[in-house]
């Protein structure tokens, strides 16, 4: 080649970048594959109530039966206060919130293992699988809240404008549960011990949260420690917005929101780091 001529032409370079949605991380992936998410959510609902006599009535029966048991044990036998509202409504409202939280954590944690065949054969963002449990859990909450309104009218509990704040408390519970569910799902792929530890942990957390009782019955000297539990202020706040009972302390709500954001970030980080191993390990 002539030294005075043009130099060698560099080969063309193809740069592949994620689109604008995928560049947002797990949130972008959930949005881009939202059609798949809704399909999986619909399948989850269909499989859950297929070949059942009562069908979706179980959504209302489960918290109602739990509320009846808690009313008898804690309200009738133990005689605990219920902040001026009937104990049945008091416990049903908190069980509706607890069902939302525990349902997302439990189902999201086991979702990857339960869909192992799909993960091993087809590529798609794996976060769609745990994300698909959220719509079904929100539908369960909506049915439970509709039953709660009927119970409130039946028992003479006035409806309050504060009920408009309930979606914010529910959203916080969803965010906290989803962050924990991502961690549980990522770890359960490699460590099946999680599926044995999780039910025990959720049972302990149930009694460490204001579900069957009001947070006000906790002795004053233990109350600051009690509010460290991030679920406690969210459940107490949801019940307060629905029934007009006492709101949790502002500092406990702030602490819970910070913990929720940390759990979301930690869940996304753990899930992303282990995601490439899922198809090989599962």
Protein backbone atom coordinates (compact mmCIF):
# COMPACT_ATOMS: atom_id res chain seq x y z
CA UNK A 1 0.00 0.00 0.00
CA UNK A 2 1.23 3.47 -0.84
CA UNK A 3 2.47 5.27 2.29
CA UNK A 4 0.82 8.49 1.15
CA UNK A 5 -2.54 6.80 0.63
CA UNK A 6 -5.29 6.32 3.16
CA UNK A 7 -4.66 3.86 6.02
CA UNK A 8 -6.48 0.58 6.57
CA UNK A 9 -10.19 0.88 7.16
CA UNK A 10 -11.32 -0.40 10.56
CA UNK A 11 -14.02 -3.09 10.44
CA UNK A 12 -17.51 -1.88 11.39
CA UNK A 13 -18.41 -2.23 15.05
CA UNK A 14 -21.86 -3.27 16.18
CA UNK A 15 -22.80 -1.93 19.61
CA UNK A 16 -25.80 -3.58 21.25
CA UNK A 17 -27.50 -1.56 23.94
CA UNK A 18 -30.65 -2.28 25.92
CA UNK A 19 -33.67 -0.26 24.96
CA UNK A 20 -34.90 2.55 27.16
CA UNK A 21 -37.06 0.25 29.24
CA UNK A 22 -34.45 -2.42 29.89
CA UNK A 23 -31.93 0.24 30.91
CA UNK A 24 -34.10 0.89 33.98
CA UNK A 25 -33.09 -2.46 35.47
CA UNK A 26 -35.65 -4.83 36.95
CA UNK A 27 -38.41 -2.22 36.76
CA UNK A 28 -37.78 -1.75 33.05
CA UNK A 29 -37.78 -5.49 32.47
CA UNK A 30 -41.08 -5.88 34.26
CA UNK A 31 -42.56 -3.12 32.12
CA UNK A 32 -41.17 -4.40 28.82
CA UNK A 33 -42.41 -7.95 29.49
CA UNK A 34 -45.67 -6.88 31.11
CA UNK A 35 -47.71 -9.02 28.72
CA UNK A 36 -45.89 -12.12 29.93
CA UNK A 37 -46.30 -10.95 33.52
CA UNK A 38 -50.08 -10.65 33.13
CA UNK A 39 -50.22 -14.05 31.41
CA UNK A 40 -48.35 -15.71 34.28
CA UNK A 41 -50.51 -13.87 36.83
CA UNK A 42 -53.67 -15.11 35.13
CA UNK A 43 -52.32 -18.65 35.05
CA UNK A 44 -51.51 -18.42 38.76
CA UNK A 45 -55.08 -17.44 39.58
CA UNK A 46 -56.51 -20.17 37.37
CA UNK A 47 -54.35 -22.91 38.88
CA UNK A 48 -54.95 -21.74 42.44
CA UNK A 49 -58.73 -22.07 42.29
CA UNK A 50 -59.12 -24.80 39.68
CA UNK A 51 -61.09 -27.82 40.88
CA UNK A 52 -62.19 -26.05 44.08
CA UNK A 53 -65.84 -25.98 45.10
CA UNK A 54 -65.81 -22.45 46.53
CA UNK A 55 -63.34 -20.94 44.04
CA UNK A 56 -62.42 -17.32 44.73
CA UNK A 57 -64.64 -17.36 47.83
CA UNK A 58 -61.57 -18.72 49.61
CA UNK A 59 -60.04 -15.24 49.27
CA UNK A 60 -62.65 -13.92 51.70
CA UNK A 61 -63.05 -17.07 53.80
CA UNK A 62 -59.39 -17.37 54.79
CA UNK A 63 -59.08 -13.96 56.54
CA UNK A 64 -62.65 -14.28 57.87
CA UNK A 65 -61.95 -17.62 59.54
CA UNK A 66 -58.67 -16.27 60.89
CA UNK A 67 -60.42 -13.18 62.21
CA UNK A 68 -63.04 -15.33 63.97
CA UNK A 69 -60.32 -17.39 65.67
CA UNK A 70 -58.35 -14.31 66.73
CA UNK A 71 -61.56 -12.67 67.98
CA UNK A 72 -62.33 -15.66 70.19
CA UNK A 73 -58.78 -16.14 71.50
CA UNK A 74 -57.55 -12.56 71.88
CA UNK A 75 -60.83 -10.66 72.13
CA UNK A 76 -63.04 -13.01 74.14
CA UNK A 77 -60.63 -15.13 76.18
CA UNK A 78 -57.70 -12.72 76.61
CA UNK A 79 -59.94 -9.64 76.62
CA UNK A 80 -57.51 -7.46 74.67
CA UNK A 81 -58.77 -4.03 73.52
CA UNK A 82 -59.54 -3.32 69.87
CA UNK A 83 -59.30 0.48 69.79
CA UNK A 84 -63.05 0.99 70.07
CA UNK A 85 -64.15 -1.09 67.07
CA UNK A 86 -65.58 -4.63 66.99
CA UNK A 87 -62.79 -7.16 67.33
CA UNK A 88 -63.93 -9.07 64.23
CA UNK A 89 -63.50 -6.00 62.01
CA UNK A 90 -60.31 -5.07 63.84
CA UNK A 91 -58.57 -8.38 63.10
CA UNK A 92 -60.08 -8.81 59.63
CA UNK A 93 -58.61 -5.49 58.48
CA UNK A 94 -55.12 -6.40 59.67
CA UNK A 95 -55.39 -9.94 58.27
CA UNK A 96 -56.21 -8.47 54.86
CA UNK A 97 -52.94 -6.52 54.97
CA UNK A 98 -51.02 -9.47 56.36
CA UNK A 99 -52.39 -11.71 53.60
CA UNK A 100 -51.09 -9.25 51.00
CA UNK A 101 -47.63 -9.14 52.56
CA UNK A 102 -47.21 -12.84 53.37
CA UNK A 103 -48.76 -13.95 50.09
CA UNK A 104 -46.23 -11.99 48.02
CA UNK A 105 -43.24 -13.06 50.12
CA UNK A 106 -44.21 -16.76 50.14
CA UNK A 107 -45.29 -17.09 46.52
CA UNK A 108 -42.49 -14.97 45.10
CA UNK A 109 -39.87 -16.92 47.06
CA UNK A 110 -41.02 -20.24 45.63
CA UNK A 111 -41.92 -18.99 42.16
CA UNK A 112 -38.60 -19.75 40.42
CA UNK A 113 -38.42 -23.31 41.73
CA UNK A 114 -42.05 -23.94 40.81
CA UNK A 115 -41.37 -22.71 37.25
CA UNK A 116 -38.04 -24.51 36.82
CA UNK A 117 -39.07 -26.08 33.52
CA UNK A 118 -39.91 -22.71 32.03
CA UNK A 119 -36.63 -21.18 33.20
CA UNK A 120 -34.54 -24.02 31.77
CA UNK A 121 -36.11 -23.87 28.30
CA UNK A 122 -37.04 -20.27 27.48
CA UNK A 123 -35.15 -17.02 27.96
CA UNK A 124 -36.90 -14.01 29.42
CA UNK A 125 -36.10 -11.72 32.35
CA UNK A 126 -36.46 -13.98 35.38
CA UNK A 127 -37.85 -11.17 37.53
CA UNK A 128 -41.12 -11.53 35.62
CA UNK A 129 -41.85 -14.78 37.49
CA UNK A 130 -41.76 -13.40 41.05
CA UNK A 131 -43.32 -10.19 39.76
CA UNK A 132 -46.32 -12.11 38.45
CA UNK A 133 -47.49 -12.96 41.98
CA UNK A 134 -48.18 -9.29 42.80
CA UNK A 135 -51.35 -8.77 40.66
CA UNK A 136 -52.99 -11.87 42.16
CA UNK A 137 -52.13 -10.72 45.69
CA UNK A 138 -53.60 -7.27 44.99
CA UNK A 139 -56.78 -8.88 43.65
CA UNK A 140 -57.02 -10.93 46.86
CA UNK A 141 -56.66 -7.71 48.86
CA UNK A 142 -59.38 -5.98 46.84
CA UNK A 143 -61.82 -8.83 47.50
CA UNK A 144 -60.92 -8.86 51.21
CA UNK A 145 -61.44 -5.09 51.49
CA UNK A 146 -64.85 -5.38 49.81
CA UNK A 147 -65.83 -7.96 52.43
CA UNK A 148 -64.44 -5.65 55.14
CA UNK A 149 -66.71 -2.82 54.02
CA UNK A 150 -69.71 -5.17 54.22
CA UNK A 151 -68.68 -6.22 57.75
CA UNK A 152 -68.23 -2.59 58.80
CA UNK A 153 -71.71 -1.64 57.56
CA UNK A 154 -73.21 -4.72 59.20
CA UNK A 155 -71.56 -4.05 62.56
CA UNK A 156 -72.23 -0.32 62.48
CA UNK A 157 -68.66 0.89 61.95
CA UNK A 158 -68.64 4.22 60.13
CA UNK A 159 -66.74 4.56 56.87
CA UNK A 160 -64.03 7.23 57.09
CA UNK A 161 -62.39 9.47 54.46
CA UNK A 162 -59.07 8.14 55.77
CA UNK A 163 -59.82 4.96 53.79
CA UNK A 164 -58.48 6.84 50.77
CA UNK A 165 -55.00 6.46 52.31
CA UNK A 166 -55.25 2.65 52.36
CA UNK A 167 -53.69 2.20 48.87
CA UNK A 168 -50.53 4.00 50.05
CA UNK A 169 -50.10 1.61 52.98
CA UNK A 170 -50.85 -1.34 50.70
CA UNK A 171 -48.25 -0.10 48.21
CA UNK A 172 -45.64 0.06 50.97
CA UNK A 173 -46.48 -3.50 52.03
CA UNK A 174 -46.16 -4.66 48.41
CA UNK A 175 -42.76 -3.00 48.03
CA UNK A 176 -41.40 -4.51 51.25
CA UNK A 177 -42.79 -7.95 50.43
CA UNK A 178 -41.46 -7.87 46.86
CA UNK A 179 -37.95 -6.96 48.02
CA UNK A 180 -37.97 -9.86 50.48
CA UNK A 181 -39.52 -12.13 47.85
CA UNK A 182 -36.72 -11.38 45.38
CA UNK A 183 -34.14 -12.36 47.98
CA UNK A 184 -36.04 -15.52 48.87
CA UNK A 185 -36.51 -16.50 45.22
CA UNK A 186 -32.84 -16.00 44.34
CA UNK A 187 -31.63 -17.96 47.37
CA UNK A 188 -34.13 -20.81 47.07
CA UNK A 189 -32.77 -21.78 43.66
CA UNK A 190 -29.49 -22.85 45.28
CA UNK A 191 -30.57 -23.42 48.87
CA UNK A 192 -33.83 -25.32 49.23
CA UNK A 193 -33.60 -24.84 53.00
CA UNK A 194 -35.34 -21.52 52.37
CA UNK A 195 -38.63 -23.26 51.65
CA UNK A 196 -38.49 -24.88 55.10
CA UNK A 197 -37.31 -21.78 56.97
CA UNK A 198 -39.77 -19.38 55.35
CA UNK A 199 -43.05 -20.74 56.84
CA UNK A 200 -41.57 -20.69 60.34
CA UNK A 201 -40.21 -17.17 59.87
CA UNK A 202 -43.57 -15.91 58.56
CA UNK A 203 -45.41 -17.48 61.49
CA UNK A 204 -43.09 -15.79 63.98
CA UNK A 205 -43.42 -12.47 62.15
CA UNK A 206 -47.22 -12.78 62.25
CA UNK A 207 -47.23 -12.79 66.05
CA UNK A 208 -44.55 -10.10 66.18
CA UNK A 209 -46.81 -7.79 64.17
CA UNK A 210 -50.07 -6.04 65.17
CA UNK A 211 -52.41 -8.46 63.43
CA UNK A 212 -54.38 -10.08 66.24
CA UNK A 213 -53.84 -7.25 68.70
CA UNK A 214 -53.25 -3.51 68.80
CA UNK A 215 -49.71 -2.20 69.08
CA UNK A 216 -50.89 -0.24 72.11
CA UNK A 217 -51.02 -3.39 74.24
CA UNK A 218 -47.24 -3.82 73.91
CA UNK A 219 -45.59 -2.69 77.18
CA UNK A 220 -44.14 0.80 76.93
CA UNK A 221 -40.58 -0.35 77.70
CA UNK A 222 -40.63 -2.71 74.70
CA UNK A 223 -42.51 -0.51 72.26
CA UNK A 224 -39.50 1.17 70.62
CA UNK A 225 -37.99 -2.26 69.92
CA UNK A 226 -41.35 -3.48 68.68
CA UNK A 227 -41.62 -0.70 66.09
CA UNK A 228 -38.28 -1.72 64.57
CA UNK A 229 -40.19 -4.49 62.83
CA UNK A 230 -40.87 -2.78 59.46
CA UNK A 231 -44.14 -4.67 58.96
CA UNK A 232 -45.67 -3.39 62.22
CA UNK A 233 -46.08 0.32 61.30
CA UNK A 234 -47.40 -0.55 57.84
CA UNK A 235 -50.07 -2.93 59.15
CA UNK A 236 -51.03 -0.55 61.94
CA UNK A 237 -51.21 2.30 59.43
CA UNK A 238 -53.35 0.29 57.01
CA UNK A 239 -55.76 -0.66 59.80
CA UNK A 240 -55.87 2.94 61.06
CA UNK A 241 -56.72 4.25 57.60
CA UNK A 242 -59.50 1.68 57.20
CA UNK A 243 -61.03 1.85 60.67
CA UNK A 244 -59.96 5.22 62.06
CA UNK A 245 -57.88 3.71 64.88
CA UNK A 246 -54.64 5.20 66.21
CA UNK A 247 -51.89 5.81 63.67
CA UNK A 248 -48.36 4.48 64.35
CA UNK A 249 -45.65 6.96 65.44
CA UNK A 250 -44.23 9.04 62.61
CA UNK A 251 -40.66 7.93 63.33
CA UNK A 252 -41.64 4.26 63.04
CA UNK A 253 -43.30 4.88 59.66
CA UNK A 254 -40.19 6.72 58.43
CA UNK A 255 -37.97 3.87 59.62
CA UNK A 256 -40.23 1.33 57.90
CA UNK A 257 -40.16 3.24 54.60
CA UNK A 258 -36.35 3.45 54.71
CA UNK A 259 -36.14 -0.28 55.46
CA UNK A 260 -38.52 -0.98 52.57
CA UNK A 261 -36.34 0.97 50.13
CA UNK A 262 -33.24 -0.84 51.40
CA UNK A 263 -34.95 -4.23 51.00
CA UNK A 264 -36.00 -3.35 47.45
CA UNK A 265 -32.46 -2.32 46.51
CA UNK A 266 -30.95 -5.35 48.25
CA UNK A 267 -33.47 -7.69 46.66
CA UNK A 268 -32.78 -6.31 43.18
CA UNK A 269 -29.01 -6.59 43.72
CA UNK A 270 -29.10 -10.16 45.02
CA UNK A 271 -31.50 -11.25 42.30
CA UNK A 272 -29.41 -9.65 39.54
CA UNK A 273 -26.14 -11.16 40.77
CA UNK A 274 -27.54 -14.70 40.95
CA UNK A 275 -29.82 -14.51 37.90
CA UNK A 276 -27.30 -15.96 35.42
CA UNK A 277 -26.98 -19.13 37.51
CA UNK A 278 -30.68 -19.90 37.70
CA UNK A 279 -30.96 -22.03 34.55
CA UNK A 280 -27.85 -24.05 35.42
CA UNK A 281 -28.58 -24.63 39.11
CA UNK A 282 -32.35 -25.02 39.16
